[in-house]
Amino acid sequence: MSISSENNKEGIMLIDKPGGITSHDVVDVVRKRLGIRRVGHAGTLDPLAEGLLVVLVGKATKLFSKFVNFDKEYIGELKLGETTTTGDSQGNLIEKRDYKNIDEQKMQEAFSLFLGEIEQIPPMVSALKIGGKRLYRLARRGISIQRNPRKIKIYFLKILNINFPFVEFFVRCSKGTYVRKLAEDIGERLGCGAHITKIKRLSVGPFKLDDAVKLDSANECHLRKAAL
């Protein structure tokens, strides 16, 4: 349901975030379009990532914790044989390793090991706060700190396409899951290393990318009531 009153700018907006910009950049655009300061997002997408970003407007920003607790779905693509400083294709190359002995069966076996409840160490380039500081800000200064592993849950993980060294996959996961780290960990399990090359978020809880609006087209008419 849209909200049209100039004095009632609150609700949620489903944005199809393009690659190459931050989630905060999206928030800034929405602030300017709506002429309201109280805007936030529920769940960061890295600059590399595309897809569904849930933007909260006005009083709906109070629902942040509810939204970030939702399960999420992604399509990702990893590249075997290379590790990078950021775990994605935007980082600097750390090491190249041979992946020629990896076949589809080995890929399927490796992917199956990450189903269910697993532990994952948050990457230094994440937006997670430790000691009041965002990890990615420390990483930009060349600082790496100890991060404790956290329990996450991978509900569904399926290989969609293999075109070595690239592997496209679909994942449905719990909050706190880092797709780039999943790609890295799969690469380590295979013994050849890997990094993420593409991420697209398809859903956040009941909200779908198909219902999102392109950032360039977003305006007040795309606000929805936030009652859940």
C-alpha atoms as a PDB file:
ATOM      1  CA  MET A   1       0.000   0.000   0.000  1.00  0.00           C
ATOM      2  CA  SER A   2       1.513   3.345  -0.995  1.00  0.00           C
ATOM      3  CA  ILE A   3       1.751   6.337   1.279  1.00  0.00           C
ATOM      4  CA  SER A   4       1.095   9.659  -0.371  1.00  0.00           C
ATOM      5  CA  SER A   5       0.773  12.192   2.428  1.00  0.00           C
ATOM      6  CA  GLU A   6       3.587  14.758   2.555  1.00  0.00           C
ATOM      7  CA  ASN A   7       3.323  14.711   6.351  1.00  0.00           C
ATOM      8  CA  ASN A   8       3.439  10.951   6.635  1.00  0.00           C
ATOM      9  CA  LYS A   9       6.722   9.907   5.073  1.00  0.00           C
ATOM     10  CA  GLU A  10       7.288   6.608   6.759  1.00  0.00           C
ATOM     11  CA  GLY A  11       7.380   2.985   5.771  1.00  0.00           C
ATOM     12  CA  ILE A  12       9.663   0.724   3.805  1.00  0.00           C
ATOM     13  CA  MET A  13      11.028   0.965   0.306  1.00  0.00           C
ATOM     14  CA  LEU A  14      12.342  -2.039  -1.605  1.00  0.00           C
ATOM     15  CA  ILE A  15      15.309  -0.946  -3.702  1.00  0.00           C
ATOM     16  CA  ASP A  16      17.094  -2.922  -6.401  1.00  0.00           C
ATOM     17  CA  LYS A  17      20.608  -1.785  -5.522  1.00  0.00           C
ATOM     18  CA  PRO A  18      23.050  -1.564  -8.432  1.00  0.00           C
ATOM     19  CA  GLY A  19      26.630  -2.716  -8.082  1.00  0.00           C
ATOM     20  CA  GLY A  20      29.442  -0.250  -7.515  1.00  0.00           C
ATOM     21  CA  ILE A  21      27.837   1.829  -4.755  1.00  0.00           C
ATOM     22  CA  THR A  22      27.452   1.353  -1.005  1.00  0.00           C
ATOM     23  CA  SER A  23      24.226   0.752   0.893  1.00  0.00           C
ATOM     24  CA  HIS A  24      24.782   4.136   2.528  1.00  0.00           C
ATOM     25  CA  ASP A  25      24.865   5.729  -0.941  1.00  0.00           C
ATOM     26  CA  VAL A  26      21.383   4.300  -1.528  1.00  0.00           C
ATOM     27  CA  VAL A  27      20.180   5.769   1.773  1.00  0.00           C
ATOM     28  CA  ASP A  28      21.541   9.191   0.762  1.00  0.00           C
ATOM     29  CA  VAL A  29      19.645   9.066  -2.529  1.00  0.00           C
ATOM     30  CA  VAL A  30      16.378   8.170  -0.775  1.00  0.00           C
ATOM     31  CA  ARG A  31      16.888  10.973   1.777  1.00  0.00           C
ATOM     32  CA  LYS A  32      17.242  13.525  -0.993  1.00  0.00           C
ATOM     33  CA  ARG A  33      14.305  12.164  -2.988  1.00  0.00           C
ATOM     34  CA  LEU A  34      11.959  12.192   0.019  1.00  0.00           C
ATOM     35  CA  GLY A  35      13.361  15.274   1.724  1.00  0.00           C
ATOM     36  CA  ILE A  36      13.619  13.438   5.042  1.00  0.00           C
ATOM     37  CA  ARG A  37      16.633  12.741   7.193  1.00  0.00           C
ATOM     38  CA  ARG A  38      15.351   9.706   9.074  1.00  0.00           C
ATOM     39  CA  VAL A  39      16.241   6.958   6.601  1.00  0.00           C
ATOM     40  CA  GLY A  40      18.236   3.766   7.104  1.00  0.00           C
ATOM     41  CA  HIS A  41      18.619   0.320   5.620  1.00  0.00           C
ATOM     42  CA  ALA A  42      18.100  -3.158   7.034  1.00  0.00           C
ATOM     43  CA  GLY A  43      21.109  -5.274   6.101  1.00  0.00           C
ATOM     44  CA  THR A  44      24.193  -4.020   4.291  1.00  0.00           C
ATOM     45  CA  LEU A  45      24.998  -4.989   0.732  1.00  0.00           C
ATOM     46  CA  ASP A  46      28.659  -4.608  -0.227  1.00  0.00           C
ATOM     47  CA  PRO A  47      29.545  -2.274  -3.125  1.00  0.00           C
ATOM     48  CA  LEU A  48      30.150  -5.368  -5.267  1.00  0.00           C
ATOM     49  CA  ALA A  49      26.688  -6.742  -4.473  1.00  0.00           C
ATOM     50  CA  GLU A  50      23.437  -6.063  -6.284  1.00  0.00           C
ATOM     51  CA  GLY A  51      19.839  -6.802  -5.470  1.00  0.00           C
ATOM     52  CA  LEU A  52      17.290  -6.262  -2.754  1.00  0.00           C
ATOM     53  CA  LEU A  53      18.020  -3.586  -0.168  1.00  0.00           C
ATOM     54  CA  VAL A  54      15.244  -2.855   2.315  1.00  0.00           C
ATOM     55  CA  VAL A  55      15.217   0.868   3.115  1.00  0.00           C
ATOM     56  CA  LEU A  56      13.436   2.062   6.270  1.00  0.00           C
ATOM     57  CA  VAL A  57      11.888   5.538   6.364  1.00  0.00           C
ATOM     58  CA  GLY A  58      10.663   7.634   9.306  1.00  0.00           C
ATOM     59  CA  LYS A  59       9.287   5.666  12.243  1.00  0.00           C
ATOM     60  CA  ALA A  60       9.923   2.436  10.351  1.00  0.00           C
ATOM     61  CA  THR A  61      13.615   2.766  11.247  1.00  0.00           C
ATOM     62  CA  LYS A  62      12.604   1.393  14.665  1.00  0.00           C
ATOM     63  CA  LEU A  63      11.967  -1.942  12.954  1.00  0.00           C
ATOM     64  CA  PHE A  64      15.637  -2.413  12.076  1.00  0.00           C
ATOM     65  CA  SER A  65      16.211  -5.381  14.385  1.00  0.00           C
ATOM     66  CA  LYS A  66      13.150  -7.182  13.017  1.00  0.00           C
ATOM     67  CA  PHE A  67      14.292  -6.883   9.434  1.00  0.00           C
ATOM     68  CA  VAL A  68      17.901  -7.917   9.997  1.00  0.00           C
ATOM     69  CA  ASN A  69      16.690 -11.100  11.698  1.00  0.00           C
ATOM     70  CA  PHE A  70      15.024 -12.319   8.505  1.00  0.00           C
ATOM     71  CA  ASP A  71      16.524 -15.135   6.453  1.00  0.00           C
ATOM     72  CA  LYS A  72      17.927 -14.124   3.071  1.00  0.00           C
ATOM     73  CA  GLU A  73      18.454 -15.599  -0.389  1.00  0.00           C
ATOM     74  CA  TYR A  74      21.302 -14.880  -2.787  1.00  0.00           C
ATOM     75  CA  ILE A  75      22.749 -15.899  -6.106  1.00  0.00           C
ATOM     76  CA  GLY A  76      26.528 -15.793  -6.045  1.00  0.00           C
ATOM     77  CA  GLU A  77      29.426 -16.606  -8.288  1.00  0.00           C
ATOM     78  CA  LEU A  78      32.865 -17.663  -7.091  1.00  0.00           C
ATOM     79  CA  LYS A  79      36.141 -18.056  -8.924  1.00  0.00           C
ATOM     80  CA  LEU A  80      38.368 -20.983  -8.050  1.00  0.00           C
ATOM     81  CA  GLY A  81      42.141 -20.820  -7.811  1.00  0.00           C
ATOM     82  CA  GLU A  82      42.577 -17.258  -6.573  1.00  0.00           C
ATOM     83  CA  THR A  83      42.399 -15.657  -3.135  1.00  0.00           C
ATOM     84  CA  THR A  84      42.217 -11.893  -2.636  1.00  0.00           C
ATOM     85  CA  THR A  85      42.658  -9.408   0.198  1.00  0.00           C
ATOM     86  CA  THR A  86      38.922  -8.744   0.388  1.00  0.00           C
ATOM     87  CA  GLY A  87      37.547 -12.153  -0.537  1.00  0.00           C
ATOM     88  CA  ASP A  88      36.078 -10.696  -3.730  1.00  0.00           C
ATOM     89  CA  SER A  89      37.180  -9.603  -7.179  1.00  0.00           C
ATOM     90  CA  GLN A  90      37.708  -6.007  -6.054  1.00  0.00           C
ATOM     91  CA  GLY A  91      40.580  -6.954  -3.754  1.00  0.00           C
ATOM     92  CA  ASN A  92      44.256  -7.453  -4.510  1.00  0.00           C
ATOM     93  CA  LEU A  93      45.425 -10.903  -5.520  1.00  0.00           C
ATOM     94  CA  ILE A  94      47.078 -12.819  -2.675  1.00  0.00           C
ATOM     95  CA  GLU A  95      47.725 -16.220  -4.187  1.00  0.00           C
ATOM     96  CA  LYS A  96      47.004 -18.324  -7.253  1.00  0.00           C
ATOM     97  CA  ARG A  97      46.573 -22.077  -6.880  1.00  0.00           C
ATOM     98  CA  ASP A  98      45.881 -24.880  -9.312  1.00  0.00           C
ATOM     99  CA  TYR A  99      42.264 -25.982  -9.559  1.00  0.00           C
ATOM    100  CA  LYS A 100      42.621 -28.405 -12.500  1.00  0.00           C
ATOM    101  CA  ASN A 101      41.935 -31.441 -10.306  1.00  0.00           C
ATOM    102  CA  ILE A 102      38.543 -30.066  -9.252  1.00  0.00           C
ATOM    103  CA  ASP A 103      35.574 -31.646 -11.015  1.00  0.00           C
ATOM    104  CA  GLU A 104      31.811 -31.366 -10.583  1.00  0.00           C
ATOM    105  CA  GLN A 105      31.666 -34.217  -8.068  1.00  0.00           C
ATOM    106  CA  LYS A 106      34.270 -32.585  -5.840  1.00  0.00           C
ATOM    107  CA  MET A 107      32.382 -29.304  -6.093  1.00  0.00           C
ATOM    108  CA  GLN A 108      29.123 -30.958  -5.048  1.00  0.00           C
ATOM    109  CA  GLU A 109      30.825 -32.711  -2.137  1.00  0.00           C
ATOM    110  CA  ALA A 110      32.413 -29.474  -0.932  1.00  0.00           C
ATOM    111  CA  PHE A 111      29.137 -27.543  -1.142  1.00  0.00           C
ATOM    112  CA  SER A 112      27.298 -30.246   0.827  1.00  0.00           C
ATOM    113  CA  LEU A 113      29.664 -29.744   3.768  1.00  0.00           C
ATOM    114  CA  PHE A 114      28.344 -26.225   4.319  1.00  0.00           C
ATOM    115  CA  LEU A 115      24.690 -27.137   4.753  1.00  0.00           C
ATOM    116  CA  GLY A 116      23.062 -26.754   8.158  1.00  0.00           C
ATOM    117  CA  GLU A 117      24.470 -24.960  11.182  1.00  0.00           C
ATOM    118  CA  ILE A 118      28.090 -23.970  10.665  1.00  0.00           C
ATOM    119  CA  GLU A 119      30.577 -21.494  12.111  1.00  0.00           C
ATOM    120  CA  GLN A 120      31.812 -18.553  10.083  1.00  0.00           C
ATOM    121  CA  ILE A 121      34.442 -15.936  10.904  1.00  0.00           C
ATOM    122  CA  PRO A 122      33.234 -12.477   9.783  1.00  0.00           C
ATOM    123  CA  PRO A 123      35.520 -10.953   7.130  1.00  0.00           C
ATOM    124  CA  MET A 124      37.536  -7.838   7.926  1.00  0.00           C
ATOM    125  CA  VAL A 125      35.795  -6.006   5.093  1.00  0.00           C
ATOM    126  CA  SER A 126      32.347  -6.481   6.670  1.00  0.00           C
ATOM    127  CA  ALA A 127      30.216  -3.769   8.264  1.00  0.00           C
ATOM    128  CA  LEU A 128      30.213  -5.633  11.594  1.00  0.00           C
ATOM    129  CA  LYS A 129      31.127  -3.534  14.619  1.00  0.00           C
ATOM    130  CA  ILE A 130      33.697  -4.813  17.120  1.00  0.00           C
ATOM    131  CA  GLY A 131      34.642  -2.523  19.975  1.00  0.00           C
ATOM    132  CA  GLY A 132      32.457   0.169  18.447  1.00  0.00           C
ATOM    133  CA  LYS A 133      34.418   0.206  15.181  1.00  0.00           C
ATOM    134  CA  ARG A 134      33.341  -1.013  11.759  1.00  0.00           C
ATOM    135  CA  LEU A 135      35.645  -3.772  10.552  1.00  0.00           C
ATOM    136  CA  TYR A 136      35.861  -2.434   7.007  1.00  0.00           C
ATOM    137  CA  ARG A 137      37.120   0.916   8.302  1.00  0.00           C
ATOM    138  CA  LEU A 138      39.912  -0.844  10.165  1.00  0.00           C
ATOM    139  CA  ALA A 139      40.672  -2.926   7.075  1.00  0.00           C
ATOM    140  CA  ARG A 140      41.064   0.238   4.991  1.00  0.00           C
ATOM    141  CA  ARG A 141      43.811   1.299   7.399  1.00  0.00           C
ATOM    142  CA  GLY A 142      45.548  -2.046   7.041  1.00  0.00           C
ATOM    143  CA  ILE A 143      44.436  -3.197  10.487  1.00  0.00           C
ATOM    144  CA  SER A 144      43.288  -6.759  11.116  1.00  0.00           C
ATOM    145  CA  ILE A 145      41.847  -7.793  14.480  1.00  0.00           C
ATOM    146  CA  GLN A 146      40.737 -11.042  16.060  1.00  0.00           C
ATOM    147  CA  ARG A 147      37.179 -12.062  15.136  1.00  0.00           C
ATOM    148  CA  ASN A 148      35.406 -14.894  16.875  1.00  0.00           C
ATOM    149  CA  PRO A 149      33.516 -17.415  14.749  1.00  0.00           C
ATOM    150  CA  ARG A 150      29.727 -17.068  14.784  1.00  0.00           C
ATOM    151  CA  LYS A 151      27.082 -19.699  14.262  1.00  0.00           C
ATOM    152  CA  ILE A 152      24.983 -19.294  11.133  1.00  0.00           C
ATOM    153  CA  LYS A 153      22.640 -21.601   9.266  1.00  0.00           C
ATOM    154  CA  ILE A 154      22.681 -22.529   5.608  1.00  0.00           C
ATOM    155  CA  TYR A 155      19.200 -23.835   4.810  1.00  0.00           C
ATOM    156  CA  PHE A 156      19.728 -24.502   1.123  1.00  0.00           C
ATOM    157  CA  LEU A 157      22.830 -24.406  -1.070  1.00  0.00           C
ATOM    158  CA  LYS A 158      22.794 -25.429  -4.711  1.00  0.00           C
ATOM    159  CA  ILE A 159      25.237 -25.178  -7.585  1.00  0.00           C
ATOM    160  CA  LEU A 160      23.476 -23.582 -10.553  1.00  0.00           C
ATOM    161  CA  ASN A 161      26.220 -23.597 -13.161  1.00  0.00           C
ATOM    162  CA  ILE A 162      29.862 -24.612 -13.465  1.00  0.00           C
ATOM    163  CA  ASN A 163      32.126 -23.009 -16.044  1.00  0.00           C
ATOM    164  CA  PHE A 164      35.554 -23.540 -14.489  1.00  0.00           C
ATOM    165  CA  PRO A 165      37.001 -21.572 -12.808  1.00  0.00           C
ATOM    166  CA  PHE A 166      33.604 -19.928 -12.209  1.00  0.00           C
ATOM    167  CA  VAL A 167      30.832 -21.546 -10.172  1.00  0.00           C
ATOM    168  CA  GLU A 168      27.385 -19.981  -9.847  1.00  0.00           C
ATOM    169  CA  PHE A 169      25.287 -20.963  -6.835  1.00  0.00           C
ATOM    170  CA  PHE A 170      22.092 -20.216  -4.914  1.00  0.00           C
ATOM    171  CA  VAL A 171      21.973 -19.967  -1.119  1.00  0.00           C
ATOM    172  CA  ARG A 172      19.222 -19.491   1.451  1.00  0.00           C
ATOM    173  CA  CYS A 173      20.755 -18.556   4.783  1.00  0.00           C
ATOM    174  CA  SER A 174      20.221 -17.083   8.226  1.00  0.00           C
ATOM    175  CA  LYS A 175      21.092 -13.589   9.365  1.00  0.00           C
ATOM    176  CA  GLY A 176      24.791 -12.933   9.830  1.00  0.00           C
ATOM    177  CA  THR A 177      25.871 -15.006   6.833  1.00  0.00           C
ATOM    178  CA  TYR A 178      28.624 -13.548   4.656  1.00  0.00           C
ATOM    179  CA  VAL A 179      28.426 -14.895   1.109  1.00  0.00           C
ATOM    180  CA  ARG A 180      31.986 -13.826   0.322  1.00  0.00           C
ATOM    181  CA  LYS A 181      33.244 -15.827   3.320  1.00  0.00           C
ATOM    182  CA  LEU A 182      31.192 -18.812   2.224  1.00  0.00           C
ATOM    183  CA  ALA A 183      32.944 -18.667  -1.156  1.00  0.00           C
ATOM    184  CA  GLU A 184      36.355 -18.373   0.508  1.00  0.00           C
ATOM    185  CA  ASP A 185      35.664 -21.280   2.841  1.00  0.00           C
ATOM    186  CA  ILE A 186      34.470 -23.503  -0.013  1.00  0.00           C
ATOM    187  CA  GLY A 187      37.678 -22.685  -1.869  1.00  0.00           C
ATOM    188  CA  GLU A 188      39.776 -23.595   1.144  1.00  0.00           C
ATOM    189  CA  ARG A 189      37.873 -26.846   1.570  1.00  0.00           C
ATOM    190  CA  LEU A 190      38.696 -27.690  -2.049  1.00  0.00           C
ATOM    191  CA  GLY A 191      42.343 -26.798  -1.463  1.00  0.00           C
ATOM    192  CA  CYS A 192      42.582 -24.316  -4.313  1.00  0.00           C
ATOM    193  CA  GLY A 193      41.187 -21.134  -2.760  1.00  0.00           C
ATOM    194  CA  ALA A 194      38.389 -18.978  -4.162  1.00  0.00           C
ATOM    195  CA  HIS A 195      36.890 -15.510  -4.079  1.00  0.00           C
ATOM    196  CA  ILE A 196      33.451 -14.117  -4.839  1.00  0.00           C
ATOM    197  CA  THR A 197      32.887 -12.384  -8.177  1.00  0.00           C
ATOM    198  CA  LYS A 198      29.132 -11.695  -8.058  1.00  0.00           C
ATOM    199  CA  ILE A 199      26.460 -11.397  -5.364  1.00  0.00           C
ATOM    200  CA  LYS A 200      22.784 -10.682  -5.915  1.00  0.00           C
ATOM    201  CA  ARG A 201      20.308 -10.658  -3.024  1.00  0.00           C
ATOM    202  CA  LEU A 202      16.960 -12.095  -4.077  1.00  0.00           C
ATOM    203  CA  SER A 203      14.950 -11.876  -0.871  1.00  0.00           C
ATOM    204  CA  VAL A 204      14.851 -10.627   2.715  1.00  0.00           C
ATOM    205  CA  GLY A 205      12.235 -12.580   4.661  1.00  0.00           C
ATOM    206  CA  PRO A 206       8.919 -12.143   2.789  1.00  0.00           C
ATOM    207  CA  PHE A 207      10.252  -9.357   0.560  1.00  0.00           C
ATOM    208  CA  LYS A 208      11.411 -10.211  -2.968  1.00  0.00           C
ATOM    209  CA  LEU A 209      13.695  -8.553  -5.482  1.00  0.00           C
ATOM    210  CA  ASP A 210      10.924  -8.869  -8.084  1.00  0.00           C
ATOM    211  CA  ASP A 211       8.945  -6.283  -6.084  1.00  0.00           C
ATOM    212  CA  ALA A 212      11.818  -3.806  -5.796  1.00  0.00           C
ATOM    213  CA  VAL A 213      12.236  -0.549  -7.687  1.00  0.00           C
ATOM    214  CA  LYS A 214      15.374   0.596  -9.481  1.00  0.00           C
ATOM    215  CA  LEU A 215      17.210   3.272  -7.492  1.00  0.00           C
ATOM    216  CA  ASP A 216      16.976   5.781 -10.353  1.00  0.00           C
ATOM    217  CA  SER A 217      13.180   5.495 -10.289  1.00  0.00           C
ATOM    218  CA  ALA A 218      12.611   5.442  -6.520  1.00  0.00           C
ATOM    219  CA  ASN A 219      10.271   8.094  -5.115  1.00  0.00           C
ATOM    220  CA  GLU A 220       7.620   8.584  -2.440  1.00  0.00           C
ATOM    221  CA  CYS A 221       5.006   6.534  -4.260  1.00  0.00           C
ATOM    222  CA  HIS A 222       7.141   3.442  -3.686  1.00  0.00           C
ATOM    223  CA  LEU A 223       6.823   3.648   0.090  1.00  0.00           C
ATOM    224  CA  ARG A 224       4.951   0.741   1.676  1.00  0.00           C
ATOM    225  CA  LYS A 225       3.390   0.421   5.091  1.00  0.00           C
ATOM    226  CA  ALA A 226       5.794  -1.276   7.459  1.00  0.00           C
ATOM    227  CA  ALA A 227       3.337  -3.310   9.541  1.00  0.00           C
ATOM    228  CA  LEU A 228       4.497  -6.913   9.694  1.00  0.00           C
END
